[in-house]
């Protein structure tokens, strides 16, 4: 849940890139784990839903199209003029070595999320929580997901699991 972000990887094999250690691998494995959770839920007959903000720009269209076909996307809010955050990861490593992230360049929306968009996001988030067993919440520090929203999620999901990572 939160603002959806399009990632772009750039590869390099110089000495600086080799200093990045396991950070790039860790982030890749974390994103893969999240995708695996959704894939496993689908494979077991469950449902996976995504809720967040995405622009109608190129990065937003590409990101939404990249979700597996069976992931429910009705929770994606597409505000007019919203710029999808883009995180460009500069990776280094040779052909036969693991790619390591050495730097990340973030291109974030220039305007804060307006109140109407925030209300719609929260409405879709709470609506998406009907008949679910677990929720994974993350806004990568954007502030879109608030402690109040996580509290309301917890109230709706008593006895179920809420994983959270947000600026709050």
Protein backbone atom coordinates (compact mmCIF):
# COMPACT_ATOMS: atom_id res chain seq x y z
CA UNK A 1 0.00 0.00 0.00
CA UNK A 2 1.26 3.49 -0.65
CA UNK A 3 2.73 5.34 -3.56
CA UNK A 4 3.78 2.84 -6.15
CA UNK A 5 7.28 3.33 -7.52
CA UNK A 6 8.80 2.31 -10.84
CA UNK A 7 12.38 1.02 -10.60
CA UNK A 8 14.98 1.27 -13.36
CA UNK A 9 18.29 -0.56 -13.01
CA UNK A 10 21.51 0.70 -14.63
CA UNK A 11 24.45 -1.72 -14.72
CA UNK A 12 28.20 -1.09 -14.52
CA UNK A 13 31.27 -3.16 -13.69
CA UNK A 14 33.83 -0.66 -12.40
CA UNK A 15 35.59 -0.79 -9.03
CA UNK A 16 33.15 1.59 -7.36
CA UNK A 17 30.28 -0.71 -8.24
CA UNK A 18 32.01 -3.65 -6.62
CA UNK A 19 32.07 -1.78 -3.29
CA UNK A 20 28.31 -1.84 -2.96
CA UNK A 21 28.33 -5.21 -1.20
CA UNK A 22 25.04 -6.90 -0.53
CA UNK A 23 22.73 -3.87 -0.58
CA UNK A 24 21.55 -4.38 -4.15
CA UNK A 25 21.09 -8.09 -3.59
CA UNK A 26 19.14 -7.47 -0.38
CA UNK A 27 16.76 -5.01 -2.05
CA UNK A 28 16.22 -7.31 -5.02
CA UNK A 29 15.51 -10.24 -2.72
CA UNK A 30 13.09 -8.15 -0.64
CA UNK A 31 11.12 -7.08 -3.73
CA UNK A 32 11.20 -10.70 -4.90
CA UNK A 33 9.90 -11.90 -1.54
CA UNK A 34 6.96 -9.52 -1.76
CA UNK A 35 6.18 -10.73 -5.28
CA UNK A 36 6.50 -14.32 -4.07
CA UNK A 37 3.95 -13.69 -1.30
CA UNK A 38 1.45 -12.41 -3.87
CA UNK A 39 2.29 -15.28 -6.25
CA UNK A 40 1.89 -17.88 -3.52
CA UNK A 41 -1.45 -16.43 -2.48
CA UNK A 42 -2.63 -16.64 -6.08
CA UNK A 43 -1.29 -20.19 -6.50
CA UNK A 44 -3.16 -21.31 -3.39
CA UNK A 45 -6.41 -19.91 -4.71
CA UNK A 46 -6.13 -16.66 -2.79
CA UNK A 47 -6.33 -13.13 -4.05
CA UNK A 48 -3.72 -10.40 -4.20
CA UNK A 49 -4.69 -6.73 -4.32
CA UNK A 50 -2.58 -3.65 -4.85
CA UNK A 51 -3.57 -0.24 -3.50
CA UNK A 52 -1.56 2.90 -4.13
CA UNK A 53 -0.98 5.94 -6.29
CA UNK A 54 0.27 5.73 -9.87
CA UNK A 55 0.43 8.34 -12.57
CA UNK A 56 -0.95 7.95 -16.07
CA UNK A 57 2.56 8.75 -17.30
CA UNK A 58 4.87 6.22 -18.98
CA UNK A 59 6.48 4.90 -15.77
CA UNK A 60 3.03 4.52 -14.16
CA UNK A 61 1.63 2.60 -17.14
CA UNK A 62 4.70 0.33 -17.28
CA UNK A 63 4.60 -0.38 -13.56
CA UNK A 64 0.91 -1.25 -13.47
CA UNK A 65 1.29 -3.43 -16.58
CA UNK A 66 4.10 -5.35 -14.84
CA UNK A 67 1.81 -6.75 -12.13
CA UNK A 68 0.84 -10.38 -12.70
CA UNK A 69 -2.44 -10.59 -14.60
CA UNK A 70 -4.42 -11.95 -11.64
CA UNK A 71 -3.40 -9.21 -9.19
CA UNK A 72 -6.44 -7.00 -8.52
CA UNK A 73 -5.69 -3.39 -9.42
CA UNK A 74 -8.95 -1.62 -8.58
CA UNK A 75 -7.27 0.00 -5.58
CA UNK A 76 -4.82 2.00 -7.69
CA UNK A 77 -5.66 5.70 -7.56
CA UNK A 78 -4.61 7.59 -10.72
CA UNK A 79 -4.78 11.33 -9.86
CA UNK A 80 -4.76 13.69 -12.83
CA UNK A 81 -1.26 15.06 -13.40
CA UNK A 82 0.35 12.81 -10.77
CA UNK A 83 3.96 11.89 -11.56
CA UNK A 84 4.86 8.28 -10.74
CA UNK A 85 7.95 8.16 -8.51
CA UNK A 86 10.91 6.65 -10.39
CA UNK A 87 13.91 5.17 -8.61
CA UNK A 88 16.92 4.57 -10.84
CA UNK A 89 19.38 2.14 -9.33
CA UNK A 90 22.94 2.25 -10.62
CA UNK A 91 24.23 -1.32 -10.45
CA UNK A 92 27.72 -2.65 -10.93
CA UNK A 93 29.05 -6.14 -11.43
CA UNK A 94 30.46 -8.32 -14.15
CA UNK A 95 28.67 -10.83 -16.33
CA UNK A 96 29.40 -13.66 -13.88
CA UNK A 97 28.99 -11.74 -10.62
CA UNK A 98 26.04 -10.49 -8.62
CA UNK A 99 24.89 -6.99 -9.47
CA UNK A 100 25.42 -4.55 -6.60
CA UNK A 101 23.68 -1.22 -6.13
CA UNK A 102 26.10 1.67 -5.77
CA UNK A 103 23.70 4.61 -5.89
CA UNK A 104 20.01 5.32 -6.37
CA UNK A 105 18.56 8.39 -8.04
CA UNK A 106 14.99 9.18 -6.98
CA UNK A 107 12.66 11.29 -9.11
CA UNK A 108 9.72 12.08 -6.85
CA UNK A 109 6.51 14.02 -7.51
CA UNK A 110 7.06 17.76 -7.26
CA UNK A 111 3.70 18.36 -5.55
CA UNK A 112 2.46 16.81 -2.30
CA UNK A 113 -0.58 14.56 -2.44
CA UNK A 114 -3.73 16.67 -2.15
CA UNK A 115 -6.41 15.99 0.47
CA UNK A 116 -8.92 14.59 -2.02
CA UNK A 117 -6.39 12.05 -3.35
CA UNK A 118 -5.38 11.06 0.20
CA UNK A 119 -9.03 10.48 1.18
CA UNK A 120 -9.61 8.37 -1.94
CA UNK A 121 -6.44 6.35 -1.26
CA UNK A 122 -7.52 5.69 2.33
CA UNK A 123 -11.04 4.74 1.19
CA UNK A 124 -9.68 2.25 -1.34
CA UNK A 125 -7.19 0.89 1.19
CA UNK A 126 -9.88 0.17 3.77
CA UNK A 127 -12.22 -1.19 1.08
CA UNK A 128 -9.51 -3.57 -0.16
CA UNK A 129 -9.23 -5.02 3.36
CA UNK A 130 -12.57 -6.78 3.23
CA UNK A 131 -12.19 -10.56 3.60
CA UNK A 132 -8.39 -10.68 3.72
CA UNK A 133 -5.98 -12.52 5.98
CA UNK A 134 -2.90 -10.29 5.77
CA UNK A 135 -1.78 -6.90 4.54
CA UNK A 136 1.67 -5.58 3.67
CA UNK A 137 1.94 -1.79 4.12
CA UNK A 138 4.82 0.33 2.86
CA UNK A 139 5.09 3.87 1.57
CA UNK A 140 8.91 4.10 1.33
CA UNK A 141 8.87 7.13 3.59
CA UNK A 142 6.54 9.25 1.45
CA UNK A 143 4.14 9.92 4.32
CA UNK A 144 1.10 8.75 2.35
CA UNK A 145 0.46 5.97 4.87
CA UNK A 146 -0.14 7.49 8.30
CA UNK A 147 -0.15 5.93 11.77
CA UNK A 148 -3.90 6.68 11.87
CA UNK A 149 -4.50 4.65 8.68
CA UNK A 150 -2.42 1.73 9.98
CA UNK A 151 -4.43 1.87 13.23
CA UNK A 152 -7.69 1.66 11.27
CA UNK A 153 -6.27 -1.28 9.28
CA UNK A 154 -5.36 -3.06 12.51
CA UNK A 155 -8.89 -2.53 13.85
CA UNK A 156 -10.36 -4.14 10.73
CA UNK A 157 -7.87 -6.99 10.76
CA UNK A 158 -7.99 -8.07 14.40
CA UNK A 159 -6.40 -11.52 14.59
CA UNK A 160 -4.77 -11.18 11.16
CA UNK A 161 -1.35 -9.94 10.15
CA UNK A 162 -0.32 -6.38 9.27
CA UNK A 163 3.28 -5.88 8.09
CA UNK A 164 4.19 -2.23 8.01
CA UNK A 165 6.96 0.08 6.89
CA UNK A 166 6.02 3.73 6.68
CA UNK A 167 7.14 7.18 7.73
CA UNK A 168 5.26 7.63 10.96
